[in-house]
Amino acid sequence: MKPQIGSIQVAGEQISRLPAEQAVHRVGYLFQNASKMFSEKTIRDELRITQQYSEDEITTILEDFGLLEFADASPWDLSSGKQQQLALAIVMTSHPKVLILDEPTSGQTRKDREKLVERITTLQDQGGTVILITHDLELAANAADQALILHNGGLLRSGAAKEILSDHRFFDEIGLPLP
């Protein structure tokens, strides 16, 4: 994706100037609507075009993301939750330095959400950056270091996630339950 205006830089490199094969290793973006990410006939084929994986590597990825039994199915025949898992597999297996996740828990089970927190934490521990766009405050509380609370296009508050997401008075004022 290229910005409509301005530029996106990661570690001093302008991403829009890089070939797609290189850009996906800098920034991975999980669309809110995962089905917009698919172009191939099967789930296995989606992973093949992303990277040059062996069949054994593809099988391992499919197992890790709970998709092995659907390997030869069309991505569009999956439930929204499984489509989200496939899209997550596609962006995470390129090992980007920056990962942008737009509503990643949509259609996910509790187990999937817990695994997502583990994946985010692992990427952060490896020096990666995760930008999490979510209404799932529990996910934010479990996975974020910093938080920006937005409302009607404006910034309400920013700071340490643990501090913000445990502030009873703030959440009472904005009319949301604490995570």
Foldseek 3Di string as FASTA:
>chain_A
DADPDDFDDDPRDTLVPDDPLVSLQAEFEQDPQLVVQDDDAFLLVLQVVLDPDDPVVSCVLCVLLVRNVRGGHGLVPDDSQSSLSSSCSSSPVSNHLEYEYAASCVPHDPVNLVVVLVSLVVSVVVNGHYHYHHPPLVSCCSRPQKDFDDDPRDTPDIDGSPVVLVDPVVCVVVVHDRD
